[in-house]
């Protein structure tokens, strides 16, 4: 009988360049990679179909646990792209306990939308700030192996080691 294995990814540290933001963020939402699709219909076809046509913009957000001057200075300009790294640990469990633990690392090029996000102040609780960002480069590695990599400025898209846009770039001469 096959044994169930469960993966748990439940904590992380965020870096902007070489600066650790340990303890300053409460939550981060990494960007989703979504294909854009267009409807296609033609004479002789019995139905409409959807075909891929590029990608949607990649966005996400970081929820901070308080106001930090250095974060306003670091992320306050919508004109500056920041290289951000999120490092986590992926645990695998089965009935015998934890059987492995490997790194999960997200590399991203981000521009923050809010110069200063709204600040919510609550009695006897952490302040709440949420910064939304736009992402133009994203690479996700598990245990040092590239899972996915996409760069909108270089027309690059890899799934594992497969270059999904190699022919596209060759056809455009780039």
N, C-alpha and C. Protein backbone atom coordinates (compact mmCIF):
# COMPACT_ATOMS: atom_id res chain seq x y z
N UNK A 1 0.84 -1.17 0.00
CA UNK A 1 0.00 0.00 0.00
C UNK A 1 0.89 1.24 0.00
N UNK A 2 0.61 2.20 -0.90
CA UNK A 2 1.44 3.41 -0.94
C UNK A 2 1.26 4.23 0.33
N UNK A 3 2.35 4.84 0.76
CA UNK A 3 2.31 5.67 1.95
C UNK A 3 2.14 7.13 1.56
N UNK A 4 1.33 7.85 2.31
CA UNK A 4 1.09 9.26 2.04
C UNK A 4 2.30 10.06 2.51
N UNK A 5 2.73 11.00 1.66
CA UNK A 5 3.76 11.97 2.03
C UNK A 5 3.15 13.35 1.92
N UNK A 6 3.47 14.18 2.90
CA UNK A 6 2.91 15.53 2.98
C UNK A 6 4.04 16.54 2.96
N UNK A 7 3.93 17.55 2.11
CA UNK A 7 4.89 18.65 2.09
C UNK A 7 4.33 19.82 2.88
N UNK A 8 5.22 20.48 3.64
CA UNK A 8 4.83 21.66 4.43
C UNK A 8 5.82 22.79 4.12
N UNK A 9 5.26 23.91 3.72
CA UNK A 9 6.04 25.12 3.46
C UNK A 9 5.37 26.21 4.29
N UNK A 10 5.97 26.57 5.43
CA UNK A 10 5.21 27.43 6.33
C UNK A 10 5.99 28.56 6.99
N UNK A 11 7.14 28.92 6.46
CA UNK A 11 7.86 30.06 7.01
C UNK A 11 8.87 30.51 5.97
N UNK A 12 9.37 31.73 6.09
CA UNK A 12 10.29 32.24 5.10
C UNK A 12 11.03 33.46 5.63
N UNK A 13 12.06 33.83 4.89
CA UNK A 13 12.76 35.09 5.12
C UNK A 13 12.82 35.81 3.78
N UNK A 14 12.69 37.12 3.82
CA UNK A 14 12.72 37.94 2.61
C UNK A 14 14.01 38.74 2.63
N UNK A 15 14.66 38.82 1.46
CA UNK A 15 15.87 39.61 1.29
C UNK A 15 15.64 40.60 0.17
N UNK A 16 16.07 41.84 0.38
CA UNK A 16 16.14 42.83 -0.69
C UNK A 16 17.61 43.08 -0.92
N UNK A 17 18.11 42.63 -2.05
CA UNK A 17 19.56 42.63 -2.25
C UNK A 17 20.17 41.72 -1.20
N UNK A 18 21.10 42.23 -0.42
CA UNK A 18 21.70 41.43 0.65
C UNK A 18 21.11 41.76 2.02
N UNK A 19 20.10 42.64 2.06
CA UNK A 19 19.49 43.03 3.32
C UNK A 19 18.40 42.05 3.73
N UNK A 20 18.56 41.44 4.90
CA UNK A 20 17.55 40.53 5.43
C UNK A 20 16.41 41.34 6.04
N UNK A 21 15.19 40.94 5.73
CA UNK A 21 14.01 41.59 6.30
C UNK A 21 13.37 40.69 7.35
N UNK A 22 14.17 39.83 7.96
CA UNK A 22 13.70 38.87 8.94
C UNK A 22 12.91 39.57 10.04
N UNK A 23 11.71 39.10 10.30
CA UNK A 23 10.88 39.62 11.38
C UNK A 23 10.06 40.85 11.02
N UNK A 24 10.18 41.36 9.79
CA UNK A 24 9.46 42.58 9.43
C UNK A 24 8.21 42.31 8.61
N UNK A 25 8.14 41.16 7.97
CA UNK A 25 6.97 40.83 7.17
C UNK A 25 6.16 39.76 7.87
N UNK A 26 4.85 39.89 7.76
CA UNK A 26 3.95 38.89 8.34
C UNK A 26 3.58 37.83 7.31
N UNK A 27 3.55 38.24 6.03
CA UNK A 27 3.07 37.34 4.99
C UNK A 27 3.53 37.85 3.64
N UNK A 28 3.83 36.94 2.73
CA UNK A 28 4.13 37.31 1.34
C UNK A 28 3.34 36.41 0.41
N UNK A 29 2.82 37.01 -0.64
CA UNK A 29 2.15 36.26 -1.69
C UNK A 29 3.04 36.35 -2.93
N UNK A 30 3.57 35.19 -3.33
CA UNK A 30 4.40 35.15 -4.52
C UNK A 30 3.51 35.26 -5.75
N UNK A 31 4.06 35.76 -6.87
CA UNK A 31 3.22 35.96 -8.04
C UNK A 31 2.75 34.65 -8.67
N UNK A 32 1.57 34.71 -9.26
CA UNK A 32 1.07 33.59 -10.06
C UNK A 32 1.52 33.81 -11.50
N UNK A 33 1.81 32.74 -12.20
CA UNK A 33 2.13 32.82 -13.62
C UNK A 33 0.90 32.30 -14.36
N UNK A 34 0.22 33.22 -15.05
CA UNK A 34 -1.02 32.88 -15.74
C UNK A 34 -0.87 33.17 -17.22
N UNK A 35 -1.21 32.18 -18.03
CA UNK A 35 -1.21 32.40 -19.47
C UNK A 35 -2.39 33.24 -19.89
N UNK A 36 -2.16 34.09 -20.89
CA UNK A 36 -3.24 34.82 -21.55
C UNK A 36 -3.76 33.94 -22.65
N UNK A 37 -5.06 33.94 -22.86
CA UNK A 37 -5.65 33.11 -23.90
C UNK A 37 -6.62 33.95 -24.73
N UNK A 38 -6.63 33.68 -26.01
CA UNK A 38 -7.58 34.34 -26.92
C UNK A 38 -8.48 33.28 -27.54
N UNK A 39 -9.73 33.66 -27.77
CA UNK A 39 -10.65 32.76 -28.47
C UNK A 39 -10.27 32.70 -29.94
N UNK A 40 -10.45 31.53 -30.51
CA UNK A 40 -10.22 31.35 -31.94
C UNK A 40 -11.41 30.60 -32.52
N UNK A 41 -11.94 31.15 -33.59
CA UNK A 41 -13.02 30.46 -34.30
C UNK A 41 -12.75 30.60 -35.79
N UNK A 42 -13.15 29.61 -36.52
CA UNK A 42 -12.91 29.62 -37.96
C UNK A 42 -13.97 28.79 -38.66
N UNK A 43 -14.18 29.11 -39.93
CA UNK A 43 -15.10 28.33 -40.75
C UNK A 43 -14.64 26.88 -40.76
N UNK A 44 -15.56 25.98 -40.66
CA UNK A 44 -15.24 24.55 -40.68
C UNK A 44 -14.99 23.95 -39.32
N UNK A 45 -14.81 24.80 -38.28
CA UNK A 45 -14.64 24.29 -36.92
C UNK A 45 -16.01 24.21 -36.25
N UNK A 46 -16.25 23.17 -35.50
CA UNK A 46 -17.56 23.01 -34.87
C UNK A 46 -17.69 23.78 -33.56
N UNK A 47 -16.60 24.39 -33.11
CA UNK A 47 -16.66 25.15 -31.86
C UNK A 47 -15.50 26.12 -31.76
N UNK A 48 -15.60 27.02 -30.80
CA UNK A 48 -14.53 27.96 -30.52
C UNK A 48 -13.51 27.27 -29.62
N UNK A 49 -12.25 27.66 -29.75
CA UNK A 49 -11.20 27.15 -28.87
C UNK A 49 -10.41 28.32 -28.31
N UNK A 50 -9.73 28.08 -27.21
CA UNK A 50 -8.83 29.07 -26.63
C UNK A 50 -7.40 28.65 -26.92
N UNK A 51 -6.59 29.61 -27.35
CA UNK A 51 -5.18 29.35 -27.61
C UNK A 51 -4.34 30.32 -26.80
N UNK A 52 -3.17 29.87 -26.30
CA UNK A 52 -2.33 30.76 -25.50
C UNK A 52 -1.77 31.90 -26.33
N UNK A 53 -1.65 33.05 -25.67
CA UNK A 53 -1.16 34.26 -26.35
C UNK A 53 -0.41 35.13 -25.35
N UNK A 54 0.67 34.63 -24.80
CA UNK A 54 1.45 35.40 -23.84
C UNK A 54 1.04 35.13 -22.41
N UNK A 55 1.36 36.10 -21.54
CA UNK A 55 1.15 35.93 -20.11
C UNK A 55 0.47 37.16 -19.52
N UNK A 56 -0.30 36.93 -18.48
CA UNK A 56 -0.86 38.02 -17.69
C UNK A 56 0.27 38.66 -16.88
N UNK A 57 0.06 39.88 -16.41
CA UNK A 57 1.06 40.51 -15.55
C UNK A 57 1.16 39.71 -14.25
N UNK A 58 2.34 39.70 -13.68
CA UNK A 58 2.57 38.98 -12.41
C UNK A 58 2.55 40.01 -11.28
N UNK A 59 1.74 39.72 -10.27
CA UNK A 59 1.62 40.63 -9.13
C UNK A 59 1.64 39.82 -7.84
N UNK A 60 1.83 40.51 -6.75
CA UNK A 60 1.78 39.88 -5.44
C UNK A 60 1.73 40.95 -4.38
N UNK A 61 1.91 40.55 -3.13
CA UNK A 61 1.88 41.53 -2.05
C UNK A 61 2.67 41.01 -0.86
N UNK A 62 3.11 41.97 -0.08
CA UNK A 62 3.78 41.68 1.18
C UNK A 62 3.02 42.41 2.28
N UNK A 63 2.68 41.69 3.32
CA UNK A 63 2.05 42.31 4.49
C UNK A 63 3.13 42.49 5.55
N UNK A 64 3.36 43.75 5.91
CA UNK A 64 4.36 44.09 6.91
C UNK A 64 3.70 44.10 8.29
N UNK A 65 4.49 43.88 9.35
CA UNK A 65 3.90 43.84 10.69
C UNK A 65 4.02 45.16 11.44
N UNK A 66 4.66 46.17 10.82
CA UNK A 66 4.76 47.49 11.42
C UNK A 66 5.32 48.46 10.39
N UNK A 67 5.49 49.69 10.80
CA UNK A 67 6.10 50.72 9.95
C UNK A 67 7.60 50.70 10.22
N UNK A 68 8.39 50.60 9.15
CA UNK A 68 9.85 50.62 9.24
C UNK A 68 10.37 51.67 8.27
N UNK A 69 11.11 52.65 8.80
CA UNK A 69 11.64 53.72 7.95
C UNK A 69 12.45 53.17 6.79
N UNK A 70 13.30 52.17 7.07
CA UNK A 70 14.17 51.64 6.02
C UNK A 70 13.38 50.95 4.90
N UNK A 71 12.19 50.43 5.22
CA UNK A 71 11.36 49.80 4.19
C UNK A 71 10.71 50.85 3.30
N UNK A 72 10.33 51.98 3.88
CA UNK A 72 9.78 53.07 3.08
C UNK A 72 10.85 53.57 2.13
N UNK A 73 12.06 53.73 2.64
CA UNK A 73 13.17 54.16 1.82
C UNK A 73 13.51 53.13 0.75
N UNK A 74 13.49 51.85 1.10
CA UNK A 74 13.86 50.76 0.19
C UNK A 74 12.84 50.55 -0.92
N UNK A 75 11.55 50.58 -0.59
CA UNK A 75 10.51 50.19 -1.54
C UNK A 75 9.58 51.33 -1.93
N UNK A 76 9.87 52.56 -1.54
CA UNK A 76 8.95 53.67 -1.72
C UNK A 76 8.84 54.24 -3.12
N UNK A 77 9.74 53.90 -4.02
CA UNK A 77 9.68 54.48 -5.37
C UNK A 77 9.12 53.48 -6.37
N UNK A 78 8.06 53.85 -7.08
CA UNK A 78 7.52 52.95 -8.11
C UNK A 78 8.38 52.92 -9.37
N UNK A 79 9.44 53.74 -9.41
CA UNK A 79 10.31 53.82 -10.58
C UNK A 79 11.54 52.91 -10.48
N UNK A 80 11.75 52.32 -9.31
CA UNK A 80 12.96 51.53 -9.07
C UNK A 80 12.59 50.06 -8.92
N UNK A 81 13.27 49.22 -9.69
CA UNK A 81 13.08 47.77 -9.58
C UNK A 81 14.01 47.23 -8.51
N UNK A 82 13.47 46.40 -7.64
CA UNK A 82 14.24 45.80 -6.55
C UNK A 82 14.35 44.30 -6.78
N UNK A 83 15.55 43.77 -6.59
CA UNK A 83 15.75 42.32 -6.63
C UNK A 83 15.47 41.77 -5.25
N UNK A 84 14.44 40.95 -5.17
CA UNK A 84 13.98 40.40 -3.90
C UNK A 84 14.09 38.89 -3.96
N UNK A 85 14.50 38.31 -2.85
CA UNK A 85 14.64 36.86 -2.74
C UNK A 85 13.83 36.41 -1.52
N UNK A 86 13.10 35.34 -1.69
CA UNK A 86 12.35 34.74 -0.58
C UNK A 86 12.91 33.34 -0.39
N UNK A 87 13.38 33.05 0.82
CA UNK A 87 13.98 31.75 1.13
C UNK A 87 13.12 31.04 2.16
N UNK A 88 12.85 29.77 1.88
CA UNK A 88 12.02 28.98 2.77
C UNK A 88 12.56 27.56 2.85
N UNK A 89 11.92 26.75 3.68
CA UNK A 89 12.33 25.37 3.86
C UNK A 89 11.10 24.48 3.67
N UNK A 90 11.21 23.55 2.73
CA UNK A 90 10.12 22.63 2.43
C UNK A 90 10.36 21.31 3.15
N UNK A 91 9.47 20.99 4.06
CA UNK A 91 9.58 19.74 4.82
C UNK A 91 8.68 18.69 4.19
N UNK A 92 9.16 17.46 4.14
CA UNK A 92 8.34 16.33 3.70
C UNK A 92 8.18 15.38 4.87
N UNK A 93 6.93 15.01 5.14
CA UNK A 93 6.57 14.17 6.29
C UNK A 93 5.85 12.92 5.80
N UNK A 94 6.05 11.83 6.53
CA UNK A 94 5.21 10.63 6.36
C UNK A 94 4.93 10.07 7.75
N UNK A 95 4.42 8.87 7.83
CA UNK A 95 4.02 8.33 9.13
C UNK A 95 5.19 8.13 10.09
N UNK A 96 6.42 8.10 9.57
CA UNK A 96 7.58 7.93 10.44
C UNK A 96 8.11 9.26 10.98
N UNK A 97 7.62 10.38 10.44
CA UNK A 97 8.08 11.69 10.86
C UNK A 97 8.62 12.48 9.67
N UNK A 98 9.45 13.47 9.96
CA UNK A 98 10.02 14.30 8.90
C UNK A 98 11.08 13.48 8.18
N UNK A 99 10.93 13.33 6.85
CA UNK A 99 11.86 12.50 6.10
C UNK A 99 12.82 13.31 5.24
N UNK A 100 12.50 14.60 5.00
CA UNK A 100 13.45 15.45 4.28
C UNK A 100 13.10 16.91 4.51
N UNK A 101 14.08 17.75 4.23
CA UNK A 101 13.92 19.20 4.34
C UNK A 101 14.84 19.82 3.30
N UNK A 102 14.27 20.55 2.34
CA UNK A 102 15.05 21.15 1.27
C UNK A 102 14.68 22.63 1.13
N UNK A 103 15.56 23.37 0.48
CA UNK A 103 15.33 24.81 0.31
C UNK A 103 14.34 25.08 -0.82
N UNK A 104 13.56 26.13 -0.62
CA UNK A 104 12.73 26.70 -1.67
C UNK A 104 13.12 28.17 -1.76
N UNK A 105 13.54 28.60 -2.95
CA UNK A 105 14.00 29.98 -3.11
C UNK A 105 13.29 30.59 -4.31
N UNK A 106 12.71 31.77 -4.09
CA UNK A 106 12.10 32.55 -5.16
C UNK A 106 12.95 33.78 -5.39
N UNK A 107 13.35 34.00 -6.63
CA UNK A 107 14.09 35.19 -7.04
C UNK A 107 13.13 36.04 -7.87
N UNK A 108 13.03 37.33 -7.54
CA UNK A 108 12.08 38.18 -8.24
C UNK A 108 12.64 39.58 -8.47
N UNK A 109 12.22 40.20 -9.58
CA UNK A 109 12.47 41.62 -9.84
C UNK A 109 11.13 42.32 -9.67
N UNK A 110 11.06 43.22 -8.67
CA UNK A 110 9.78 43.81 -8.27
C UNK A 110 9.81 45.33 -8.33
N UNK A 111 8.65 45.89 -8.63
CA UNK A 111 8.41 47.32 -8.46
C UNK A 111 7.17 47.44 -7.59
N UNK A 112 7.32 48.18 -6.51
CA UNK A 112 6.21 48.34 -5.58
C UNK A 112 5.29 49.44 -6.06
N UNK A 113 3.98 49.20 -5.97
CA UNK A 113 2.98 50.12 -6.50
C UNK A 113 2.73 51.30 -5.58
N UNK A 114 2.75 51.05 -4.27
CA UNK A 114 2.43 52.11 -3.31
C UNK A 114 3.71 52.79 -2.84
N UNK A 115 3.73 54.12 -2.92
CA UNK A 115 4.83 54.86 -2.32
C UNK A 115 4.80 54.63 -0.82
N UNK A 116 3.62 54.71 -0.23
CA UNK A 116 3.40 54.35 1.17
C UNK A 116 2.02 53.72 1.25
N UNK A 117 1.95 52.44 1.59
CA UNK A 117 0.64 51.80 1.66
C UNK A 117 -0.15 52.34 2.85
N UNK A 118 -1.48 52.17 2.83
CA UNK A 118 -2.27 52.60 3.98
C UNK A 118 -1.82 51.87 5.25
N UNK A 119 -1.80 52.57 6.35
CA UNK A 119 -1.37 52.00 7.62
C UNK A 119 -2.59 51.84 8.51
N UNK A 120 -2.84 50.61 8.94
CA UNK A 120 -3.93 50.35 9.87
C UNK A 120 -3.33 50.19 11.27
N UNK A 121 -3.81 50.99 12.20
CA UNK A 121 -3.33 50.92 13.58
C UNK A 121 -4.47 50.39 14.44
N UNK A 122 -4.18 49.34 15.20
CA UNK A 122 -5.21 48.69 16.02
C UNK A 122 -4.75 48.66 17.46
N UNK A 123 -5.69 48.70 18.36
CA UNK A 123 -5.37 48.64 19.78
C UNK A 123 -4.76 47.28 20.12
N UNK A 124 -3.64 47.30 20.80
CA UNK A 124 -2.97 46.09 21.30
C UNK A 124 -2.69 45.05 20.22
N UNK A 125 -2.41 45.51 19.00
CA UNK A 125 -2.11 44.59 17.91
C UNK A 125 -1.11 45.26 16.98
N UNK A 126 -0.43 44.44 16.16
CA UNK A 126 0.52 44.99 15.20
C UNK A 126 -0.18 45.91 14.21
N UNK A 127 0.55 46.94 13.76
CA UNK A 127 0.06 47.76 12.66
C UNK A 127 -0.01 46.86 11.44
N UNK A 128 -0.82 47.25 10.49
CA UNK A 128 -1.00 46.43 9.31
C UNK A 128 -0.75 47.29 8.08
N UNK A 129 0.22 46.89 7.27
CA UNK A 129 0.53 47.56 6.01
C UNK A 129 0.66 46.48 4.95
N UNK A 130 0.13 46.74 3.78
CA UNK A 130 0.22 45.76 2.72
C UNK A 130 0.73 46.45 1.46
N UNK A 131 1.90 46.01 0.98
CA UNK A 131 2.49 46.58 -0.22
C UNK A 131 2.23 45.66 -1.40
N UNK A 132 1.61 46.21 -2.44
CA UNK A 132 1.41 45.44 -3.66
C UNK A 132 2.59 45.68 -4.59
N UNK A 133 2.95 44.65 -5.34
CA UNK A 133 4.06 44.80 -6.27
C UNK A 133 3.72 44.21 -7.63
N UNK A 134 4.48 44.66 -8.60
CA UNK A 134 4.44 44.12 -9.95
C UNK A 134 5.77 43.42 -10.19
N UNK A 135 5.73 42.24 -10.80
CA UNK A 135 6.92 41.42 -10.96
C UNK A 135 7.20 41.22 -12.45
N UNK A 136 8.46 41.44 -12.86
CA UNK A 136 8.82 41.24 -14.26
C UNK A 136 9.76 40.05 -14.46
N UNK A 137 10.34 39.55 -13.37
CA UNK A 137 11.21 38.37 -13.42
C UNK A 137 10.89 37.50 -12.21
N UNK A 138 10.80 36.18 -12.45
CA UNK A 138 10.48 35.26 -11.35
C UNK A 138 11.14 33.92 -11.65
N UNK A 139 11.87 33.43 -10.67
CA UNK A 139 12.49 32.10 -10.75
C UNK A 139 12.22 31.39 -9.44
N UNK A 140 11.71 30.16 -9.53
CA UNK A 140 11.45 29.36 -8.34
C UNK A 140 12.32 28.12 -8.39
N UNK A 141 13.10 27.93 -7.33
CA UNK A 141 13.97 26.75 -7.21
C UNK A 141 13.56 25.93 -6.00
N UNK A 142 13.59 24.62 -6.16
CA UNK A 142 13.40 23.70 -5.04
C UNK A 142 14.62 22.82 -4.98
N UNK A 143 15.30 22.84 -3.83
CA UNK A 143 16.52 22.08 -3.61
C UNK A 143 17.57 22.39 -4.68
N UNK A 144 17.64 23.67 -5.09
CA UNK A 144 18.62 24.12 -6.07
C UNK A 144 18.26 23.85 -7.51
N UNK A 145 17.14 23.18 -7.77
CA UNK A 145 16.72 22.89 -9.14
C UNK A 145 15.67 23.89 -9.59
N UNK A 146 15.90 24.49 -10.77
CA UNK A 146 14.92 25.43 -11.32
C UNK A 146 13.63 24.69 -11.64
N UNK A 147 12.53 25.20 -11.10
CA UNK A 147 11.21 24.67 -11.41
C UNK A 147 10.57 25.48 -12.52
N UNK A 148 10.70 26.80 -12.39
CA UNK A 148 10.12 27.70 -13.38
C UNK A 148 10.92 28.99 -13.37
N UNK A 149 11.04 29.61 -14.54
CA UNK A 149 11.73 30.89 -14.65
C UNK A 149 11.11 31.66 -15.81
N UNK A 150 10.77 32.91 -15.54
CA UNK A 150 10.15 33.74 -16.57
C UNK A 150 10.70 35.16 -16.44
N UNK A 151 11.01 35.76 -17.58
CA UNK A 151 11.53 37.12 -17.61
C UNK A 151 10.85 37.86 -18.76
N UNK A 152 10.01 38.82 -18.43
CA UNK A 152 9.26 39.54 -19.45
C UNK A 152 10.14 40.43 -20.32
N UNK A 153 11.26 40.91 -19.79
CA UNK A 153 12.12 41.81 -20.56
C UNK A 153 13.06 41.07 -21.51
N UNK A 154 13.26 39.77 -21.32
CA UNK A 154 14.12 39.00 -22.23
C UNK A 154 13.36 37.92 -22.98
N UNK A 155 12.04 37.89 -22.85
CA UNK A 155 11.21 36.87 -23.50
C UNK A 155 11.70 35.47 -23.20
N UNK A 156 11.94 35.20 -21.91
CA UNK A 156 12.43 33.90 -21.48
C UNK A 156 11.38 33.24 -20.61
N UNK A 157 11.15 31.94 -20.87
CA UNK A 157 10.22 31.17 -20.06
C UNK A 157 10.69 29.72 -20.05
N UNK A 158 11.11 29.26 -18.88
CA UNK A 158 11.57 27.87 -18.69
C UNK A 158 10.62 27.16 -17.74
N UNK A 159 10.30 25.94 -18.05
CA UNK A 159 9.65 25.02 -17.12
C UNK A 159 10.66 23.90 -16.92
N UNK A 160 11.24 23.83 -15.72
CA UNK A 160 12.36 22.93 -15.50
C UNK A 160 13.51 23.37 -16.40
N UNK A 161 14.06 22.45 -17.17
CA UNK A 161 15.15 22.79 -18.10
C UNK A 161 14.65 23.02 -19.52
N UNK A 162 13.35 23.00 -19.73
CA UNK A 162 12.79 23.18 -21.07
C UNK A 162 12.56 24.65 -21.38
N UNK A 163 13.23 25.14 -22.41
CA UNK A 163 13.07 26.51 -22.87
C UNK A 163 11.81 26.58 -23.73
N UNK A 164 10.75 27.10 -23.16
CA UNK A 164 9.45 27.10 -23.83
C UNK A 164 9.35 28.15 -24.94
N UNK A 165 10.25 29.13 -24.97
CA UNK A 165 10.18 30.20 -25.97
C UNK A 165 11.39 30.24 -26.90
N UNK A 166 12.17 29.17 -26.95
CA UNK A 166 13.36 29.16 -27.80
C UNK A 166 13.00 29.40 -29.26
N UNK A 167 12.04 28.68 -29.79
CA UNK A 167 11.64 28.86 -31.19
C UNK A 167 11.07 30.26 -31.42
N UNK A 168 10.28 30.75 -30.48
CA UNK A 168 9.71 32.10 -30.58
C UNK A 168 10.81 33.14 -30.74
N UNK A 169 11.83 33.08 -29.86
CA UNK A 169 12.93 34.05 -29.93
C UNK A 169 13.69 33.89 -31.25
N UNK A 170 13.94 32.65 -31.66
CA UNK A 170 14.64 32.42 -32.94
C UNK A 170 13.84 32.98 -34.11
N UNK A 171 12.53 32.77 -34.08
CA UNK A 171 11.68 33.28 -35.18
C UNK A 171 11.67 34.79 -35.23
N UNK A 172 11.84 35.45 -34.08
CA UNK A 172 11.89 36.91 -34.05
C UNK A 172 13.31 37.44 -34.27
N UNK A 173 14.30 36.54 -34.33
CA UNK A 173 15.67 36.97 -34.53
C UNK A 173 16.31 37.58 -33.30
N UNK A 174 15.82 37.18 -32.12
CA UNK A 174 16.41 37.74 -30.89
C UNK A 174 17.03 36.65 -30.04
